[in-house]
Amino acid sequence: MTPRRSLAAAVMVVVLLAGCGVPPGQPRADVVTLAPNDVLAFEPLYAENCAGCHGANGQGGAAIALANPVYLAIVDDRSMRATIADGVRGTSMPAFEQRAGGMLTEKQIDALVEGIRSRSSRPVSLEGANPPPYAATSAGDVHRGAVVYQTFCQWCHGADGRGGPKGSAITNDSFLALTSDQALRTMVIAGRPELGAPDWRGAAGPALSSVEGRPMSDQEVTDVVSWLASHRVAAPGQPYVPERSASGGLRVE
């Protein structure tokens, strides 16, 4: 066999071997698009389902920052998973698991919980502080909560919770209609660092001159959440007050 024919034969063998791994008419594995239920990678799952409210990389948006170290320190995996899977009825947090009407499988919910915990969490020192538990351990008292609010919260959110120079309105009826008691508790404990709101350790105002800077207790958090929740109304966001006409029917002015 001449050198030229030998080279041609060698090239042919290489070409044939290169095509042996992929049957004719079938795409390569690296270009196959996964079915929605088969996507288990954290990044696309988070981007498609969580980032719109909780921000890119869990840094916060309309909802709390999932990468907040204090939040990750107080929430357990079971609670996080239940919130993602079942949502929070009556609020802006929908259910994501298929059995609850969502689009995600159980494995995808597990992947989100694991990813939020492992990729967002980072070493954090609570300086020996013991944060209040994620869930309330006792009943709240609205009257005590009013005192707690004036002590810890009014300096940013105003005397009546309608907003102040440093904080937004937190007794707004539309806000409260979209926010559960647990979400209020979580925000009081973990803060909203992306918005400049301190956690449970840094909410003390000038009224605490003798013990300024002391953290809120578990009961104080529970009580102030009860006070905030007491401002919910039956028909939030209504710009009008229905009145009865002379004929007895409802009239909207």
C-alpha atoms as a PDB file:
ATOM      1  CA  MET A   1       0.000   0.000   0.000  1.00  0.00           C
ATOM      2  CA  THR A   2       1.389   3.364  -0.963  1.00  0.00           C
ATOM      3  CA  PRO A   3       1.940   6.052   1.675  1.00  0.00           C
ATOM      4  CA  ARG A   4      -0.923   8.101   0.236  1.00  0.00           C
ATOM      5  CA  ARG A   5      -3.337   5.173   0.429  1.00  0.00           C
ATOM      6  CA  SER A   6      -2.174   4.421   3.998  1.00  0.00           C
ATOM      7  CA  LEU A   7      -2.894   8.003   5.079  1.00  0.00           C
ATOM      8  CA  ALA A   8      -6.334   7.918   3.509  1.00  0.00           C
ATOM      9  CA  ALA A   9      -7.145   4.656   5.239  1.00  0.00           C
ATOM     10  CA  ALA A  10      -6.016   6.022   8.575  1.00  0.00           C
ATOM     11  CA  VAL A  11      -8.197   9.124   8.160  1.00  0.00           C
ATOM     12  CA  MET A  12     -11.174   6.919   7.290  1.00  0.00           C
ATOM     13  CA  VAL A  13     -10.662   4.806  10.434  1.00  0.00           C
ATOM     14  CA  VAL A  14     -10.541   7.939  12.619  1.00  0.00           C
ATOM     15  CA  VAL A  15     -13.758   9.273  11.075  1.00  0.00           C
ATOM     16  CA  LEU A  16     -15.539   5.964  11.562  1.00  0.00           C
ATOM     17  CA  LEU A  17     -14.397   5.645  15.161  1.00  0.00           C
ATOM     18  CA  ALA A  18     -15.447   9.211  15.918  1.00  0.00           C
ATOM     19  CA  GLY A  19     -18.983   8.440  14.861  1.00  0.00           C
ATOM     20  CA  CYS A  20     -19.309   5.201  16.773  1.00  0.00           C
ATOM     21  CA  GLY A  21     -20.358   6.889  20.040  1.00  0.00           C
ATOM     22  CA  VAL A  22     -23.549   8.483  18.657  1.00  0.00           C
ATOM     23  CA  PRO A  23     -26.019   6.425  16.618  1.00  0.00           C
ATOM     24  CA  PRO A  24     -27.126   8.103  13.391  1.00  0.00           C
ATOM     25  CA  GLY A  25     -30.036  10.506  13.851  1.00  0.00           C
ATOM     26  CA  GLN A  26     -29.681  10.858  17.621  1.00  0.00           C
ATOM     27  CA  PRO A  27     -28.436  14.018  19.399  1.00  0.00           C
ATOM     28  CA  ARG A  28     -25.420  14.029  21.677  1.00  0.00           C
ATOM     29  CA  ALA A  29     -26.093  13.835  25.404  1.00  0.00           C
ATOM     30  CA  ASP A  30     -24.635  17.291  25.998  1.00  0.00           C
ATOM     31  CA  VAL A  31     -27.223  18.973  23.761  1.00  0.00           C
ATOM     32  CA  VAL A  32     -30.327  17.169  25.039  1.00  0.00           C
ATOM     33  CA  THR A  33     -32.777  19.507  26.835  1.00  0.00           C
ATOM     34  CA  LEU A  34     -34.051  18.051  30.081  1.00  0.00           C
ATOM     35  CA  ALA A  35     -37.772  17.744  30.680  1.00  0.00           C
ATOM     36  CA  PRO A  36     -38.959  20.272  33.326  1.00  0.00           C
ATOM     37  CA  ASN A  37     -39.454  17.549  35.933  1.00  0.00           C
ATOM     38  CA  ASP A  38     -35.915  16.253  35.423  1.00  0.00           C
ATOM     39  CA  VAL A  39     -34.128  19.540  36.224  1.00  0.00           C
ATOM     40  CA  LEU A  40     -32.417  19.101  39.601  1.00  0.00           C
ATOM     41  CA  ALA A  41     -29.633  21.679  39.378  1.00  0.00           C
ATOM     42  CA  PHE A  42     -30.045  24.399  42.003  1.00  0.00           C
ATOM     43  CA  GLU A  43     -29.166  27.395  39.812  1.00  0.00           C
ATOM     44  CA  PRO A  44     -31.913  27.042  37.172  1.00  0.00           C
ATOM     45  CA  LEU A  45     -34.483  25.971  39.762  1.00  0.00           C
ATOM     46  CA  TYR A  46     -33.757  29.019  41.925  1.00  0.00           C
ATOM     47  CA  ALA A  47     -33.617  31.413  38.967  1.00  0.00           C
ATOM     48  CA  GLU A  48     -36.940  30.218  37.578  1.00  0.00           C
ATOM     49  CA  ASN A  49     -38.876  29.951  40.843  1.00  0.00           C
ATOM     50  CA  CYS A  50     -37.307  32.064  43.599  1.00  0.00           C
ATOM     51  CA  ALA A  51     -35.174  34.914  42.279  1.00  0.00           C
ATOM     52  CA  GLY A  52     -38.143  37.031  41.201  1.00  0.00           C
ATOM     53  CA  CYS A  53     -39.132  37.669  44.832  1.00  0.00           C
ATOM     54  CA  HIS A  54     -36.050  36.758  46.877  1.00  0.00           C
ATOM     55  CA  GLY A  55     -33.473  38.310  44.559  1.00  0.00           C
ATOM     56  CA  ALA A  56     -30.531  36.958  42.622  1.00  0.00           C
ATOM     57  CA  ASN A  57     -28.303  34.820  44.844  1.00  0.00           C
ATOM     58  CA  GLY A  58     -30.811  35.175  47.672  1.00  0.00           C
ATOM     59  CA  GLN A  59     -29.937  38.807  48.310  1.00  0.00           C
ATOM     60  CA  GLY A  60     -33.532  39.919  48.779  1.00  0.00           C
ATOM     61  CA  GLY A  61     -36.182  41.705  46.778  1.00  0.00           C
ATOM     62  CA  ALA A  62     -39.913  41.957  47.361  1.00  0.00           C
ATOM     63  CA  ALA A  63     -39.438  39.133  49.868  1.00  0.00           C
ATOM     64  CA  ILE A  64     -36.762  38.404  52.466  1.00  0.00           C
ATOM     65  CA  ALA A  65     -33.164  37.612  51.596  1.00  0.00           C
ATOM     66  CA  LEU A  66     -32.733  33.849  51.793  1.00  0.00           C
ATOM     67  CA  ALA A  67     -28.970  34.290  52.105  1.00  0.00           C
ATOM     68  CA  ASN A  68     -29.395  36.274  55.334  1.00  0.00           C
ATOM     69  CA  PRO A  69     -27.174  34.416  57.860  1.00  0.00           C
ATOM     70  CA  VAL A  70     -29.545  35.085  60.751  1.00  0.00           C
ATOM     71  CA  TYR A  71     -32.492  33.692  58.807  1.00  0.00           C
ATOM     72  CA  LEU A  72     -30.488  30.573  57.974  1.00  0.00           C
ATOM     73  CA  ALA A  73     -29.499  30.255  61.629  1.00  0.00           C
ATOM     74  CA  ILE A  74     -33.081  30.171  62.903  1.00  0.00           C
ATOM     75  CA  VAL A  75     -35.011  28.313  60.184  1.00  0.00           C
ATOM     76  CA  ASP A  76     -34.796  24.519  60.031  1.00  0.00           C
ATOM     77  CA  ASP A  77     -34.927  22.530  56.808  1.00  0.00           C
ATOM     78  CA  ARG A  78     -38.378  21.138  57.566  1.00  0.00           C
ATOM     79  CA  SER A  79     -39.903  24.600  57.949  1.00  0.00           C
ATOM     80  CA  MET A  80     -38.153  25.909  54.849  1.00  0.00           C
ATOM     81  CA  ARG A  81     -39.309  22.951  52.827  1.00  0.00           C
ATOM     82  CA  ALA A  82     -42.912  23.268  54.019  1.00  0.00           C
ATOM     83  CA  THR A  83     -43.005  26.927  53.021  1.00  0.00           C
ATOM     84  CA  ILE A  84     -41.670  26.221  49.535  1.00  0.00           C
ATOM     85  CA  ALA A  85     -43.834  23.164  48.975  1.00  0.00           C
ATOM     86  CA  ASP A  86     -47.148  24.393  50.399  1.00  0.00           C
ATOM     87  CA  GLY A  87     -46.768  28.155  50.207  1.00  0.00           C
ATOM     88  CA  VAL A  88     -48.442  30.416  52.756  1.00  0.00           C
ATOM     89  CA  ARG A  89     -52.188  30.659  52.272  1.00  0.00           C
ATOM     90  CA  GLY A  90     -53.508  34.192  51.876  1.00  0.00           C
ATOM     91  CA  THR A  91     -50.118  35.750  51.154  1.00  0.00           C
ATOM     92  CA  SER A  92     -47.919  36.335  48.115  1.00  0.00           C
ATOM     93  CA  MET A  93     -46.004  33.071  48.742  1.00  0.00           C
ATOM     94  CA  PRO A  94     -47.470  30.396  46.405  1.00  0.00           C
ATOM     95  CA  ALA A  95     -47.228  26.633  46.698  1.00  0.00           C
ATOM     96  CA  PHE A  96     -44.553  25.161  44.435  1.00  0.00           C
ATOM     97  CA  GLU A  97     -44.909  21.410  44.901  1.00  0.00           C
ATOM     98  CA  GLN A  98     -47.032  19.561  42.351  1.00  0.00           C
ATOM     99  CA  ARG A  99     -49.226  17.864  44.949  1.00  0.00           C
ATOM    100  CA  ALA A 100     -50.196  21.351  46.191  1.00  0.00           C
ATOM    101  CA  GLY A 101     -50.873  22.728  42.711  1.00  0.00           C
ATOM    102  CA  GLY A 102     -47.355  23.911  41.895  1.00  0.00           C
ATOM    103  CA  MET A 103     -44.915  22.920  39.174  1.00  0.00           C
ATOM    104  CA  LEU A 104     -42.071  21.263  41.100  1.00  0.00           C
ATOM    105  CA  THR A 105     -41.480  17.678  42.156  1.00  0.00           C
ATOM    106  CA  GLU A 106     -40.500  16.567  45.651  1.00  0.00           C
ATOM    107  CA  LYS A 107     -36.911  16.065  44.490  1.00  0.00           C
ATOM    108  CA  GLN A 108     -36.808  19.583  43.074  1.00  0.00           C
ATOM    109  CA  ILE A 109     -38.086  21.029  46.359  1.00  0.00           C
ATOM    110  CA  ASP A 110     -35.347  19.088  48.168  1.00  0.00           C
ATOM    111  CA  ALA A 111     -32.755  20.467  45.734  1.00  0.00           C
ATOM    112  CA  LEU A 112     -33.903  24.024  46.461  1.00  0.00           C
ATOM    113  CA  VAL A 113     -33.726  23.551  50.232  1.00  0.00           C
ATOM    114  CA  GLU A 114     -30.291  21.962  50.029  1.00  0.00           C
ATOM    115  CA  GLY A 115     -29.035  24.649  47.654  1.00  0.00           C
ATOM    116  CA  ILE A 116     -30.338  27.568  49.709  1.00  0.00           C
ATOM    117  CA  ARG A 117     -28.766  26.081  52.821  1.00  0.00           C
ATOM    118  CA  SER A 118     -25.396  25.079  51.341  1.00  0.00           C
ATOM    119  CA  ARG A 119     -24.798  27.823  48.781  1.00  0.00           C
ATOM    120  CA  SER A 120     -26.255  30.813  50.602  1.00  0.00           C
ATOM    121  CA  SER A 121     -25.101  30.011  54.110  1.00  0.00           C
ATOM    122  CA  ARG A 122     -21.781  31.372  55.222  1.00  0.00           C
ATOM    123  CA  PRO A 123     -19.996  31.374  58.557  1.00  0.00           C
ATOM    124  CA  VAL A 124     -21.475  34.033  60.788  1.00  0.00           C
ATOM    125  CA  SER A 125     -20.818  35.009  64.352  1.00  0.00           C
ATOM    126  CA  LEU A 126     -23.872  35.873  66.441  1.00  0.00           C
ATOM    127  CA  GLU A 127     -21.452  37.165  69.062  1.00  0.00           C
ATOM    128  CA  GLY A 128     -22.744  34.739  71.652  1.00  0.00           C
ATOM    129  CA  ALA A 129     -26.318  35.944  71.187  1.00  0.00           C
ATOM    130  CA  ASN A 130     -29.157  33.461  71.272  1.00  0.00           C
ATOM    131  CA  PRO A 131     -31.777  34.467  68.696  1.00  0.00           C
ATOM    132  CA  PRO A 132     -35.459  33.868  69.427  1.00  0.00           C
ATOM    133  CA  PRO A 133     -36.794  30.660  67.856  1.00  0.00           C
ATOM    134  CA  TYR A 134     -38.159  30.684  64.328  1.00  0.00           C
ATOM    135  CA  ALA A 135     -41.710  29.836  65.460  1.00  0.00           C
ATOM    136  CA  ALA A 136     -43.534  31.447  68.374  1.00  0.00           C
ATOM    137  CA  THR A 137     -43.543  29.409  71.569  1.00  0.00           C
ATOM    138  CA  SER A 138     -46.313  31.302  73.360  1.00  0.00           C
ATOM    139  CA  ALA A 139     -49.339  33.483  72.689  1.00  0.00           C
ATOM    140  CA  GLY A 140     -48.802  37.143  71.982  1.00  0.00           C
ATOM    141  CA  ASP A 141     -50.392  40.085  73.769  1.00  0.00           C
ATOM    142  CA  VAL A 142     -51.480  43.087  71.677  1.00  0.00           C
ATOM    143  CA  HIS A 143     -51.242  45.580  74.554  1.00  0.00           C
ATOM    144  CA  ARG A 144     -47.731  44.498  75.510  1.00  0.00           C
ATOM    145  CA  GLY A 145     -46.902  44.511  71.802  1.00  0.00           C
ATOM    146  CA  ALA A 146     -47.852  48.188  71.534  1.00  0.00           C
ATOM    147  CA  VAL A 147     -45.299  48.989  74.228  1.00  0.00           C
ATOM    148  CA  VAL A 148     -42.680  46.834  72.531  1.00  0.00           C
ATOM    149  CA  TYR A 149     -43.315  48.641  69.247  1.00  0.00           C
ATOM    150  CA  GLN A 150     -42.867  52.056  70.843  1.00  0.00           C
ATOM    151  CA  THR A 151     -39.668  50.859  72.487  1.00  0.00           C
ATOM    152  CA  PHE A 152     -37.976  49.134  69.589  1.00  0.00           C
ATOM    153  CA  CYS A 153     -39.607  50.025  66.287  1.00  0.00           C
ATOM    154  CA  GLN A 154     -41.111  53.504  66.133  1.00  0.00           C
ATOM    155  CA  TRP A 155     -37.752  55.189  65.607  1.00  0.00           C
ATOM    156  CA  CYS A 156     -37.680  53.881  62.051  1.00  0.00           C
ATOM    157  CA  HIS A 157     -41.301  53.053  61.207  1.00  0.00           C
ATOM    158  CA  GLY A 158     -43.094  55.948  62.904  1.00  0.00           C
ATOM    159  CA  ALA A 159     -45.198  56.128  66.044  1.00  0.00           C
ATOM    160  CA  ASP A 160     -48.178  54.396  64.424  1.00  0.00           C
ATOM    161  CA  GLY A 161     -46.306  52.150  62.006  1.00  0.00           C
ATOM    162  CA  ARG A 162     -47.237  54.244  58.970  1.00  0.00           C
ATOM    163  CA  GLY A 163     -43.641  54.858  58.028  1.00  0.00           C
ATOM    164  CA  GLY A 164     -40.858  57.132  59.162  1.00  0.00           C
ATOM    165  CA  PRO A 165     -37.625  58.693  57.954  1.00  0.00           C
ATOM    166  CA  LYS A 166     -35.767  55.378  58.052  1.00  0.00           C
ATOM    167  CA  GLY A 167     -38.405  52.704  57.570  1.00  0.00           C
ATOM    168  CA  SER A 168     -41.460  51.829  55.523  1.00  0.00           C
ATOM    169  CA  ALA A 169     -45.078  51.577  56.654  1.00  0.00           C
ATOM    170  CA  ILE A 170     -45.626  48.262  58.399  1.00  0.00           C
ATOM    171  CA  THR A 171     -49.243  48.726  59.511  1.00  0.00           C
ATOM    172  CA  ASN A 172     -50.325  49.286  55.915  1.00  0.00           C
ATOM    173  CA  ASP A 173     -53.364  47.095  55.291  1.00  0.00           C
ATOM    174  CA  SER A 174     -52.189  45.838  51.898  1.00  0.00           C
ATOM    175  CA  PHE A 175     -48.763  44.925  53.280  1.00  0.00           C
ATOM    176  CA  LEU A 176     -50.275  43.048  56.211  1.00  0.00           C
ATOM    177  CA  ALA A 177     -52.744  41.250  53.941  1.00  0.00           C
ATOM    178  CA  LEU A 178     -49.858  39.801  51.964  1.00  0.00           C
ATOM    179  CA  THR A 179     -47.665  38.984  54.972  1.00  0.00           C
ATOM    180  CA  SER A 180     -48.229  36.130  57.409  1.00  0.00           C
ATOM    181  CA  ASP A 181     -47.567  36.294  61.131  1.00  0.00           C
ATOM    182  CA  GLN A 182     -44.596  33.949  60.617  1.00  0.00           C
ATOM    183  CA  ALA A 183     -43.151  36.256  57.954  1.00  0.00           C
ATOM    184  CA  LEU A 184     -43.503  39.221  60.307  1.00  0.00           C
ATOM    185  CA  ARG A 185     -41.752  37.250  63.051  1.00  0.00           C
ATOM    186  CA  THR A 186     -38.970  36.214  60.688  1.00  0.00           C
ATOM    187  CA  MET A 187     -38.387  39.819  59.618  1.00  0.00           C
ATOM    188  CA  VAL A 188     -38.320  41.078  63.204  1.00  0.00           C
ATOM    189  CA  ILE A 189     -35.752  38.450  64.183  1.00  0.00           C
ATOM    190  CA  ALA A 190     -33.602  38.302  61.033  1.00  0.00           C
ATOM    191  CA  GLY A 191     -34.068  41.876  59.874  1.00  0.00           C
ATOM    192  CA  ARG A 192     -33.935  43.007  56.269  1.00  0.00           C
ATOM    193  CA  PRO A 193     -30.219  43.849  55.915  1.00  0.00           C
ATOM    194  CA  GLU A 194     -30.646  44.526  52.202  1.00  0.00           C
ATOM    195  CA  LEU A 195     -33.016  47.363  53.191  1.00  0.00           C
ATOM    196  CA  GLY A 196     -31.015  48.551  56.165  1.00  0.00           C
ATOM    197  CA  ALA A 197     -33.386  47.017  58.733  1.00  0.00           C
ATOM    198  CA  PRO A 198     -31.545  45.556  61.760  1.00  0.00           C
ATOM    199  CA  ASP A 199     -32.156  42.149  63.262  1.00  0.00           C
ATOM    200  CA  TRP A 200     -33.536  41.491  66.747  1.00  0.00           C
ATOM    201  CA  ARG A 201     -30.289  42.716  68.326  1.00  0.00           C
ATOM    202  CA  GLY A 202     -30.193  46.189  66.828  1.00  0.00           C
ATOM    203  CA  ALA A 203     -33.728  47.560  67.025  1.00  0.00           C
ATOM    204  CA  ALA A 204     -33.422  49.444  70.316  1.00  0.00           C
ATOM    205  CA  GLY A 205     -34.088  53.174  70.156  1.00  0.00           C
ATOM    206  CA  PRO A 206     -33.383  56.199  72.365  1.00  0.00           C
ATOM    207  CA  ALA A 207     -36.020  55.085  74.886  1.00  0.00           C
ATOM    208  CA  LEU A 208     -33.598  52.422  76.074  1.00  0.00           C
ATOM    209  CA  SER A 209     -30.910  54.817  77.196  1.00  0.00           C
ATOM    210  CA  SER A 210     -30.178  52.753  80.292  1.00  0.00           C
ATOM    211  CA  VAL A 211     -29.921  49.444  78.435  1.00  0.00           C
ATOM    212  CA  GLU A 212     -29.501  50.727  74.905  1.00  0.00           C
ATOM    213  CA  GLY A 213     -28.773  48.045  72.389  1.00  0.00           C
ATOM    214  CA  ARG A 214     -30.226  45.101  74.288  1.00  0.00           C
ATOM    215  CA  PRO A 215     -31.803  42.509  71.994  1.00  0.00           C
ATOM    216  CA  MET A 216     -35.507  41.785  71.893  1.00  0.00           C
ATOM    217  CA  SER A 217     -36.665  38.769  73.871  1.00  0.00           C
ATOM    218  CA  ASP A 218     -38.659  35.902  72.416  1.00  0.00           C
ATOM    219  CA  GLN A 219     -41.826  37.158  74.115  1.00  0.00           C
ATOM    220  CA  GLU A 220     -41.278  40.731  72.914  1.00  0.00           C
ATOM    221  CA  VAL A 221     -40.994  39.488  69.334  1.00  0.00           C
ATOM    222  CA  THR A 222     -44.196  37.479  69.762  1.00  0.00           C
ATOM    223  CA  ASP A 223     -46.039  40.436  71.290  1.00  0.00           C
ATOM    224  CA  VAL A 224     -45.027  42.965  68.650  1.00  0.00           C
ATOM    225  CA  VAL A 225     -46.073  40.550  65.895  1.00  0.00           C
ATOM    226  CA  SER A 226     -49.497  40.315  67.580  1.00  0.00           C
ATOM    227  CA  TRP A 227     -49.724  44.105  67.642  1.00  0.00           C
ATOM    228  CA  LEU A 228     -48.839  44.349  63.962  1.00  0.00           C
ATOM    229  CA  ALA A 229     -51.294  41.589  63.046  1.00  0.00           C
ATOM    230  CA  SER A 230     -54.076  43.413  64.910  1.00  0.00           C
ATOM    231  CA  HIS A 231     -53.949  46.096  62.201  1.00  0.00           C
ATOM    232  CA  ARG A 232     -55.162  43.719  59.487  1.00  0.00           C
ATOM    233  CA  VAL A 233     -58.539  44.672  58.014  1.00  0.00           C
ATOM    234  CA  ALA A 234     -61.269  42.637  56.335  1.00  0.00           C
ATOM    235  CA  ALA A 235     -61.053  44.452  52.993  1.00  0.00           C
ATOM    236  CA  PRO A 236     -57.457  45.613  52.493  1.00  0.00           C
ATOM    237  CA  GLY A 237     -56.537  48.110  49.822  1.00  0.00           C
ATOM    238  CA  GLN A 238     -60.053  49.503  49.382  1.00  0.00           C
ATOM    239  CA  PRO A 239     -59.954  53.187  48.351  1.00  0.00           C
ATOM    240  CA  TYR A 240     -63.588  53.713  49.283  1.00  0.00           C
ATOM    241  CA  VAL A 241     -66.051  53.161  52.112  1.00  0.00           C
ATOM    242  CA  PRO A 242     -69.331  51.510  51.107  1.00  0.00           C
ATOM    243  CA  GLU A 243     -72.403  53.307  52.380  1.00  0.00           C
ATOM    244  CA  ARG A 244     -76.058  52.401  52.354  1.00  0.00           C
ATOM    245  CA  SER A 245     -78.304  54.411  50.058  1.00  0.00           C
ATOM    246  CA  ALA A 246     -81.748  55.700  51.012  1.00  0.00           C
ATOM    247  CA  SER A 247     -83.286  52.567  49.463  1.00  0.00           C
ATOM    248  CA  GLY A 248     -81.192  50.360  51.697  1.00  0.00           C
ATOM    249  CA  GLY A 249     -78.766  49.143  49.027  1.00  0.00           C
ATOM    250  CA  LEU A 250     -75.008  49.586  49.120  1.00  0.00           C
ATOM    251  CA  ARG A 251     -73.691  52.721  47.487  1.00  0.00           C
ATOM    252  CA  VAL A 252     -70.045  53.366  46.597  1.00  0.00           C
ATOM    253  CA  GLU A 253     -68.914  56.985  46.660  1.00  0.00           C
END
